[in-house]
Amino acid sequence: MPRPKPPAPLIVRSVRMTEAQWLAFNALGGSDWLRNRIDKLRAAGVAKRERNNRIRKAHAMGMSQVDISKQFGVDRTTVWRIVT
């Protein structure tokens, strides 16, 4: 069964691994697992940046850090790190 054409050209890269690491990589799902993992992490990073921007906007509008932490479900120290 032929594979579907990827949206962007694939470039062959080499990665140095021990035999045990290669077996573990293949057991996890190989290159498909790695591509999915990268895509999930990228999506999570985008969502986190958007959340942080909303937190900064709420802080600029005068909300207290305690109220922001309750609204967004994050710790107060996280809010402090984002807004300072």
PDB file of N, CA and C in Angstrom:
ATOM      1  N   MET A   1       0.845  -1.172   0.000  1.00  0.00           N
ATOM      2  CA  MET A   1       0.000   0.000   0.000  1.00  0.00           C
ATOM      3  C   MET A   1       0.895   1.242   0.000  1.00  0.00           C
ATOM      4  N   PRO A   2       0.735   2.134  -0.948  1.00  0.00           N
ATOM      5  CA  PRO A   2       1.602   3.317  -0.996  1.00  0.00           C
ATOM      6  C   PRO A   2       1.282   4.301   0.125  1.00  0.00           C
ATOM      7  N   ARG A   3       2.325   4.973   0.599  1.00  0.00           N
ATOM      8  CA  ARG A   3       2.139   5.981   1.637  1.00  0.00           C
ATOM      9  C   ARG A   3       1.616   7.267   1.015  1.00  0.00           C
ATOM     10  N   PRO A   4       0.797   8.027   1.766  1.00  0.00           N
ATOM     11  CA  PRO A   4       0.349   9.324   1.243  1.00  0.00           C
ATOM     12  C   PRO A   4       1.515  10.296   1.163  1.00  0.00           C
ATOM     13  N   LYS A   5       1.447  11.196   0.226  1.00  0.00           N
ATOM     14  CA  LYS A   5       2.508  12.181   0.047  1.00  0.00           C
ATOM     15  C   LYS A   5       2.493  13.169   1.220  1.00  0.00           C
ATOM     16  N   PRO A   6       3.643  13.433   1.830  1.00  0.00           N
ATOM     17  CA  PRO A   6       3.678  14.371   2.954  1.00  0.00           C
ATOM     18  C   PRO A   6       3.422  15.794   2.475  1.00  0.00           C
ATOM     19  N   PRO A   7       2.921  16.657   3.387  1.00  0.00           N
ATOM     20  CA  PRO A   7       2.629  18.039   2.995  1.00  0.00           C
ATOM     21  C   PRO A   7       3.882  18.834   2.622  1.00  0.00           C
ATOM     22  N   ALA A   8       5.012  18.469   3.178  1.00  0.00           N
ATOM     23  CA  ALA A   8       6.282  19.129   2.862  1.00  0.00           C
ATOM     24  C   ALA A   8       7.300  18.036   2.530  1.00  0.00           C
ATOM     25  N   PRO A   9       8.285  18.360   1.723  1.00  0.00           N
ATOM     26  CA  PRO A   9       9.269  17.324   1.383  1.00  0.00           C
ATOM     27  C   PRO A   9      10.021  16.832   2.619  1.00  0.00           C
ATOM     28  N   LEU A  10      10.229  15.528   2.684  1.00  0.00           N
ATOM     29  CA  LEU A  10      10.968  14.942   3.795  1.00  0.00           C
ATOM     30  C   LEU A  10      12.450  14.891   3.441  1.00  0.00           C
ATOM     31  N   ILE A  11      13.273  15.252   4.398  1.00  0.00           N
ATOM     32  CA  ILE A  11      14.716  15.243   4.214  1.00  0.00           C
ATOM     33  C   ILE A  11      15.280  14.148   5.116  1.00  0.00           C
ATOM     34  N   VAL A  12      16.111  13.308   4.566  1.00  0.00           N
ATOM     35  CA  VAL A  12      16.721  12.236   5.347  1.00  0.00           C
ATOM     36  C   VAL A  12      17.770  12.842   6.274  1.00  0.00           C
ATOM     37  N   ARG A  13      17.685  12.497   7.551  1.00  0.00           N
ATOM     38  CA  ARG A  13      18.634  12.965   8.558  1.00  0.00           C
ATOM     39  C   ARG A  13      19.197  11.752   9.267  1.00  0.00           C
ATOM     40  N   SER A  14      20.348  11.888   9.827  1.00  0.00           N
ATOM     41  CA  SER A  14      20.912  10.774  10.593  1.00  0.00           C
ATOM     42  C   SER A  14      20.970  11.156  12.064  1.00  0.00           C
ATOM     43  N   VAL A  15      20.684  10.179  12.904  1.00  0.00           N
ATOM     44  CA  VAL A  15      20.734  10.363  14.349  1.00  0.00           C
ATOM     45  C   VAL A  15      21.562   9.227  14.918  1.00  0.00           C
ATOM     46  N   ARG A  16      22.482   9.553  15.780  1.00  0.00           N
ATOM     47  CA  ARG A  16      23.324   8.527  16.379  1.00  0.00           C
ATOM     48  C   ARG A  16      22.651   7.986  17.625  1.00  0.00           C
ATOM     49  N   MET A  17      22.433   6.676  17.647  1.00  0.00           N
ATOM     50  CA  MET A  17      21.818   6.009  18.795  1.00  0.00           C
ATOM     51  C   MET A  17      22.500   4.671  19.017  1.00  0.00           C
ATOM     52  N   THR A  18      22.447   4.240  20.268  1.00  0.00           N
ATOM     53  CA  THR A  18      22.904   2.890  20.551  1.00  0.00           C
ATOM     54  C   THR A  18      21.833   1.915  20.056  1.00  0.00           C
ATOM     55  N   GLU A  19      22.167   0.661  20.025  1.00  0.00           N
ATOM     56  CA  GLU A  19      21.198  -0.343  19.587  1.00  0.00           C
ATOM     57  C   GLU A  19      19.987  -0.371  20.520  1.00  0.00           C
ATOM     58  N   ALA A  20      20.231  -0.249  21.825  1.00  0.00           N
ATOM     59  CA  ALA A  20      19.134  -0.241  22.797  1.00  0.00           C
ATOM     60  C   ALA A  20      18.229   0.979  22.587  1.00  0.00           C
ATOM     61  N   GLN A  21      18.826   2.136  22.317  1.00  0.00           N
ATOM     62  CA  GLN A  21      18.031   3.338  22.062  1.00  0.00           C
ATOM     63  C   GLN A  21      17.219   3.186  20.780  1.00  0.00           C
ATOM     64  N   TRP A  22      17.813   2.592  19.747  1.00  0.00           N
ATOM     65  CA  TRP A  22      17.108   2.398  18.485  1.00  0.00           C
ATOM     66  C   TRP A  22      15.919   1.457  18.668  1.00  0.00           C
ATOM     67  N   LEU A  23      16.101   0.388  19.428  1.00  0.00           N
ATOM     68  CA  LEU A  23      15.003  -0.543  19.687  1.00  0.00           C
ATOM     69  C   LEU A  23      13.886   0.146  20.482  1.00  0.00           C
ATOM     70  N   ALA A  24      14.266   0.955  21.462  1.00  0.00           N
ATOM     71  CA  ALA A  24      13.266   1.686  22.245  1.00  0.00           C
ATOM     72  C   ALA A  24      12.521   2.689  21.365  1.00  0.00           C
ATOM     73  N   PHE A  25      13.240   3.379  20.489  1.00  0.00           N
ATOM     74  CA  PHE A  25      12.628   4.331  19.567  1.00  0.00           C
ATOM     75  C   PHE A  25      11.616   3.633  18.667  1.00  0.00           C
ATOM     76  N   ASN A  26      11.990   2.496  18.117  1.00  0.00           N
ATOM     77  CA  ASN A  26      11.070   1.743  17.265  1.00  0.00           C
ATOM     78  C   ASN A  26       9.886   1.197  18.055  1.00  0.00           C
ATOM     79  N   ALA A  27      10.115   0.800  19.321  1.00  0.00           N
ATOM     80  CA  ALA A  27       9.025   0.301  20.160  1.00  0.00           C
ATOM     81  C   ALA A  27       8.003   1.405  20.454  1.00  0.00           C
ATOM     82  N   LEU A  28       8.472   2.643  20.546  1.00  0.00           N
ATOM     83  CA  LEU A  28       7.568   3.773  20.780  1.00  0.00           C
ATOM     84  C   LEU A  28       6.750   4.125  19.544  1.00  0.00           C
ATOM     85  N   GLY A  29       7.204   3.730  18.383  1.00  0.00           N
ATOM     86  CA  GLY A  29       6.465   4.031  17.162  1.00  0.00           C
ATOM     87  C   GLY A  29       7.322   4.635  16.069  1.00  0.00           C
ATOM     88  N   GLY A  30       8.603   4.781  16.329  1.00  0.00           N
ATOM     89  CA  GLY A  30       9.518   5.261  15.305  1.00  0.00           C
ATOM     90  C   GLY A  30       9.258   6.699  14.891  1.00  0.00           C
ATOM     91  N   SER A  31       9.449   6.946  13.600  1.00  0.00           N
ATOM     92  CA  SER A  31       9.353   8.320  13.099  1.00  0.00           C
ATOM     93  C   SER A  31       7.931   8.870  13.194  1.00  0.00           C
ATOM     94  N   ASP A  32       6.908   8.027  13.056  1.00  0.00           N
ATOM     95  CA  ASP A  32       5.529   8.517  13.213  1.00  0.00           C
ATOM     96  C   ASP A  32       5.294   9.026  14.631  1.00  0.00           C
ATOM     97  N   TRP A  33       5.790   8.286  15.632  1.00  0.00           N
ATOM     98  CA  TRP A  33       5.653   8.710  17.020  1.00  0.00           C
ATOM     99  C   TRP A  33       6.367  10.041  17.238  1.00  0.00           C
ATOM    100  N   LEU A  34       7.569  10.162  16.681  1.00  0.00           N
ATOM    101  CA  LEU A  34       8.344  11.390  16.854  1.00  0.00           C
ATOM    102  C   LEU A  34       7.648  12.584  16.213  1.00  0.00           C
ATOM    103  N   ARG A  35       7.127  12.408  15.010  1.00  0.00           N
ATOM    104  CA  ARG A  35       6.407  13.507  14.344  1.00  0.00           C
ATOM    105  C   ARG A  35       5.180  13.933  15.147  1.00  0.00           C
ATOM    106  N   ASN A  36       4.405  12.963  15.646  1.00  0.00           N
ATOM    107  CA  ASN A  36       3.222  13.284  16.450  1.00  0.00           C
ATOM    108  C   ASN A  36       3.608  14.007  17.735  1.00  0.00           C
ATOM    109  N   ARG A  37       4.684  13.558  18.360  1.00  0.00           N
ATOM    110  CA  ARG A  37       5.147  14.181  19.593  1.00  0.00           C
ATOM    111  C   ARG A  37       5.558  15.639  19.365  1.00  0.00           C
ATOM    112  N   ILE A  38       6.270  15.880  18.285  1.00  0.00           N
ATOM    113  CA  ILE A  38       6.691  17.243  17.951  1.00  0.00           C
ATOM    114  C   ILE A  38       5.479  18.122  17.685  1.00  0.00           C
ATOM    115  N   ASP A  39       4.508  17.613  16.937  1.00  0.00           N
ATOM    116  CA  ASP A  39       3.302  18.394  16.645  1.00  0.00           C
ATOM    117  C   ASP A  39       2.523  18.715  17.909  1.00  0.00           C
ATOM    118  N   LYS A  40       2.407  17.758  18.829  1.00  0.00           N
ATOM    119  CA  LYS A  40       1.693  17.998  20.087  1.00  0.00           C
ATOM    120  C   LYS A  40       2.401  19.054  20.926  1.00  0.00           C
ATOM    121  N   LEU A  41       3.726  18.967  20.990  1.00  0.00           N
ATOM    122  CA  LEU A  41       4.482  19.949  21.768  1.00  0.00           C
ATOM    123  C   LEU A  41       4.373  21.341  21.163  1.00  0.00           C
ATOM    124  N   ARG A  42       4.380  21.423  19.842  1.00  0.00           N
ATOM    125  CA  ARG A  42       4.224  22.715  19.179  1.00  0.00           C
ATOM    126  C   ARG A  42       2.851  23.304  19.502  1.00  0.00           C
ATOM    127  N   ALA A  43       1.806  22.475  19.433  1.00  0.00           N
ATOM    128  CA  ALA A  43       0.453  22.951  19.740  1.00  0.00           C
ATOM    129  C   ALA A  43       0.351  23.393  21.199  1.00  0.00           C
ATOM    130  N   ALA A  44       0.991  22.656  22.092  1.00  0.00           N
ATOM    131  CA  ALA A  44       0.966  23.026  23.504  1.00  0.00           C
ATOM    132  C   ALA A  44       1.686  24.352  23.725  1.00  0.00           C
ATOM    133  N   GLY A  45       2.777  24.570  23.023  1.00  0.00           N
ATOM    134  CA  GLY A  45       3.509  25.828  23.151  1.00  0.00           C
ATOM    135  C   GLY A  45       2.689  27.012  22.678  1.00  0.00           C
ATOM    136  N   VAL A  46       1.956  26.825  21.581  1.00  0.00           N
ATOM    137  CA  VAL A  46       1.097  27.891  21.061  1.00  0.00           C
ATOM    138  C   VAL A  46      -0.007  28.199  22.063  1.00  0.00           C
ATOM    139  N   ALA A  47      -0.635  27.168  22.603  1.00  0.00           N
ATOM    140  CA  ALA A  47      -1.710  27.365  23.586  1.00  0.00           C
ATOM    141  C   ALA A  47      -1.180  28.070  24.831  1.00  0.00           C
ATOM    142  N   LYS A  48       0.017  27.708  25.269  1.00  0.00           N
ATOM    143  CA  LYS A  48       0.600  28.332  26.458  1.00  0.00           C
ATOM    144  C   LYS A  48       0.901  29.807  26.214  1.00  0.00           C
ATOM    145  N   ARG A  49       1.434  30.139  25.037  1.00  0.00           N
ATOM    146  CA  ARG A  49       1.697  31.548  24.722  1.00  0.00           C
ATOM    147  C   ARG A  49       0.401  32.348  24.696  1.00  0.00           C
ATOM    148  N   GLU A  50      -0.655  31.787  24.117  1.00  0.00           N
ATOM    149  CA  GLU A  50      -1.938  32.491  24.079  1.00  0.00           C
ATOM    150  C   GLU A  50      -2.484  32.694  25.487  1.00  0.00           C
ATOM    151  N   ARG A  51      -2.382  31.660  26.351  1.00  0.00           N
ATOM    152  CA  ARG A  51      -2.826  31.794  27.740  1.00  0.00           C
ATOM    153  C   ARG A  51      -2.039  32.873  28.458  1.00  0.00           C
ATOM    154  N   ASN A  52      -0.710  32.891  28.259  1.00  0.00           N
ATOM    155  CA  ASN A  52       0.120  33.893  28.916  1.00  0.00           C
ATOM    156  C   ASN A  52      -0.237  35.302  28.448  1.00  0.00           C
ATOM    157  N   ASN A  53      -0.557  35.463  27.176  1.00  0.00           N
ATOM    158  CA  ASN A  53      -0.976  36.781  26.682  1.00  0.00           C
ATOM    159  C   ASN A  53      -2.292  37.209  27.318  1.00  0.00           C
ATOM    160  N   ARG A  54      -3.223  36.259  27.491  1.00  0.00           N
ATOM    161  CA  ARG A  54      -4.495  36.597  28.154  1.00  0.00           C
ATOM    162  C   ARG A  54      -4.260  36.978  29.611  1.00  0.00           C
ATOM    163  N   ILE A  55      -3.316  36.303  30.276  1.00  0.00           N
ATOM    164  CA  ILE A  55      -2.983  36.638  31.658  1.00  0.00           C
ATOM    165  C   ILE A  55      -2.387  38.044  31.731  1.00  0.00           C
ATOM    166  N   ARG A  56      -1.481  38.362  30.821  1.00  0.00           N
ATOM    167  CA  ARG A  56      -0.883  39.711  30.811  1.00  0.00           C
ATOM    168  C   ARG A  56      -1.942  40.784  30.574  1.00  0.00           C
ATOM    169  N   LYS A  57      -2.882  40.496  29.677  1.00  0.00           N
ATOM    170  CA  LYS A  57      -3.943  41.459  29.392  1.00  0.00           C
ATOM    171  C   LYS A  57      -4.834  41.651  30.625  1.00  0.00           C
ATOM    172  N   ALA A  58      -5.180  40.563  31.310  1.00  0.00           N
ATOM    173  CA  ALA A  58      -6.006  40.668  32.519  1.00  0.00           C
ATOM    174  C   ALA A  58      -5.271  41.467  33.593  1.00  0.00           C
ATOM    175  N   HIS A  59      -3.982  41.262  33.717  1.00  0.00           N
ATOM    176  CA  HIS A  59      -3.200  42.001  34.702  1.00  0.00           C
ATOM    177  C   HIS A  59      -3.149  43.482  34.345  1.00  0.00           C
ATOM    178  N   ALA A  60      -2.994  43.781  33.066  1.00  0.00           N
ATOM    179  CA  ALA A  60      -2.949  45.181  32.624  1.00  0.00           C
ATOM    180  C   ALA A  60      -4.293  45.866  32.852  1.00  0.00           C
ATOM    181  N   MET A  61      -5.383  45.101  32.831  1.00  0.00           N
ATOM    182  CA  MET A  61      -6.710  45.668  33.063  1.00  0.00           C
ATOM    183  C   MET A  61      -6.989  45.873  34.550  1.00  0.00           C
ATOM    184  N   GLY A  62      -6.056  45.448  35.420  1.00  0.00           N
ATOM    185  CA  GLY A  62      -6.191  45.727  36.846  1.00  0.00           C
ATOM    186  C   GLY A  62      -6.596  44.543  37.698  1.00  0.00           C
ATOM    187  N   MET A  63      -6.723  43.343  37.138  1.00  0.00           N
ATOM    188  CA  MET A  63      -7.071  42.180  37.955  1.00  0.00           C
ATOM    189  C   MET A  63      -5.911  41.836  38.883  1.00  0.00           C
ATOM    190  N   SER A  64      -6.237  41.374  40.082  1.00  0.00           N
ATOM    191  CA  SER A  64      -5.184  40.968  41.017  1.00  0.00           C
ATOM    192  C   SER A  64      -4.623  39.621  40.582  1.00  0.00           C
ATOM    193  N   GLN A  65      -3.411  39.360  41.041  1.00  0.00           N
ATOM    194  CA  GLN A  65      -2.770  38.102  40.682  1.00  0.00           C
ATOM    195  C   GLN A  65      -3.518  36.899  41.258  1.00  0.00           C
ATOM    196  N   VAL A  66      -4.137  37.069  42.409  1.00  0.00           N
ATOM    197  CA  VAL A  66      -4.917  35.982  43.011  1.00  0.00           C
ATOM    198  C   VAL A  66      -6.128  35.665  42.140  1.00  0.00           C
ATOM    199  N   ASP A  67      -6.836  36.704  41.696  1.00  0.00           N
ATOM    200  CA  ASP A  67      -8.002  36.486  40.835  1.00  0.00           C
ATOM    201  C   ASP A  67      -7.603  35.857  39.498  1.00  0.00           C
ATOM    202  N   ILE A  68      -6.478  36.303  38.959  1.00  0.00           N
ATOM    203  CA  ILE A  68      -6.004  35.731  37.690  1.00  0.00           C
ATOM    204  C   ILE A  68      -5.653  34.264  37.875  1.00  0.00           C
ATOM    205  N   SER A  69      -4.985  33.931  38.981  1.00  0.00           N
ATOM    206  CA  SER A  69      -4.606  32.532  39.208  1.00  0.00           C
ATOM    207  C   SER A  69      -5.839  31.650  39.342  1.00  0.00           C
ATOM    208  N   LYS A  70      -6.899  32.160  39.970  1.00  0.00           N
ATOM    209  CA  LYS A  70      -8.136  31.381  40.082  1.00  0.00           C
ATOM    210  C   LYS A  70      -8.815  31.237  38.728  1.00  0.00           C
ATOM    211  N   GLN A  71      -8.855  32.307  37.952  1.00  0.00           N
ATOM    212  CA  GLN A  71      -9.531  32.273  36.657  1.00  0.00           C
ATOM    213  C   GLN A  71      -8.855  31.308  35.688  1.00  0.00           C
ATOM    214  N   PHE A  72      -7.529  31.320  35.667  1.00  0.00           N
ATOM    215  CA  PHE A  72      -6.804  30.510  34.694  1.00  0.00           C
ATOM    216  C   PHE A  72      -6.345  29.166  35.256  1.00  0.00           C
ATOM    217  N   GLY A  73      -6.553  28.936  36.529  1.00  0.00           N
ATOM    218  CA  GLY A  73      -6.194  27.657  37.127  1.00  0.00           C
ATOM    219  C   GLY A  73      -4.699  27.422  37.225  1.00  0.00           C
ATOM    220  N   VAL A  74      -3.954  28.489  37.485  1.00  0.00           N
ATOM    221  CA  VAL A  74      -2.505  28.368  37.649  1.00  0.00           C
ATOM    222  C   VAL A  74      -2.124  28.910  39.019  1.00  0.00           C
ATOM    223  N   ASP A  75      -0.950  28.548  39.470  1.00  0.00           N
ATOM    224  CA  ASP A  75      -0.463  29.015  40.758  1.00  0.00           C
ATOM    225  C   ASP A  75      -0.143  30.511  40.704  1.00  0.00           C
ATOM    226  N   ARG A  76      -0.228  31.180  41.850  1.00  0.00           N
ATOM    227  CA  ARG A  76       0.066  32.620  41.900  1.00  0.00           C
ATOM    228  C   ARG A  76       1.494  32.924  41.485  1.00  0.00           C
ATOM    229  N   THR A  77       2.433  32.030  41.811  1.00  0.00           N
ATOM    230  CA  THR A  77       3.820  32.281  41.417  1.00  0.00           C
ATOM    231  C   THR A  77       3.975  32.224  39.901  1.00  0.00           C
ATOM    232  N   THR A  78       3.168  31.390  39.233  1.00  0.00           N
ATOM    233  CA  THR A  78       3.195  31.329  37.783  1.00  0.00           C
ATOM    234  C   THR A  78       2.709  32.639  37.197  1.00  0.00           C
ATOM    235  N   VAL A  79       1.635  33.174  37.764  1.00  0.00           N
ATOM    236  CA  VAL A  79       1.120  34.468  37.306  1.00  0.00           C
ATOM    237  C   VAL A  79       2.172  35.542  37.519  1.00  0.00           C
ATOM    238  N   TRP A  80       2.816  35.528  38.665  1.00  0.00           N
ATOM    239  CA  TRP A  80       3.856  36.520  38.976  1.00  0.00           C
ATOM    240  C   TRP A  80       4.980  36.456  37.944  1.00  0.00           C
ATOM    241  N   ARG A  81       5.424  35.222  37.588  1.00  0.00           N
ATOM    242  CA  ARG A  81       6.495  35.077  36.609  1.00  0.00           C
ATOM    243  C   ARG A  81       6.080  35.576  35.229  1.00  0.00           C
ATOM    244  N   ILE A  82       4.811  35.398  34.890  1.00  0.00           N
ATOM    245  CA  ILE A  82       4.328  35.815  33.566  1.00  0.00           C
ATOM    246  C   ILE A  82       4.233  37.331  33.466  1.00  0.00           C
ATOM    247  N   VAL A  83       3.752  37.977  34.515  1.00  0.00           N
ATOM    248  CA  VAL A  83       3.488  39.422  34.433  1.00  0.00           C
ATOM    249  C   VAL A  83       4.688  40.282  34.797  1.00  0.00           C
ATOM    250  N   THR A  84       5.744  39.701  35.351  1.00  0.00           N
ATOM    251  CA  THR A  84       6.917  40.516  35.699  1.00  0.00           C
ATOM    252  C   THR A  84       8.041  40.290  34.729  1.00  0.00           C
TER     253      THR A  84
END
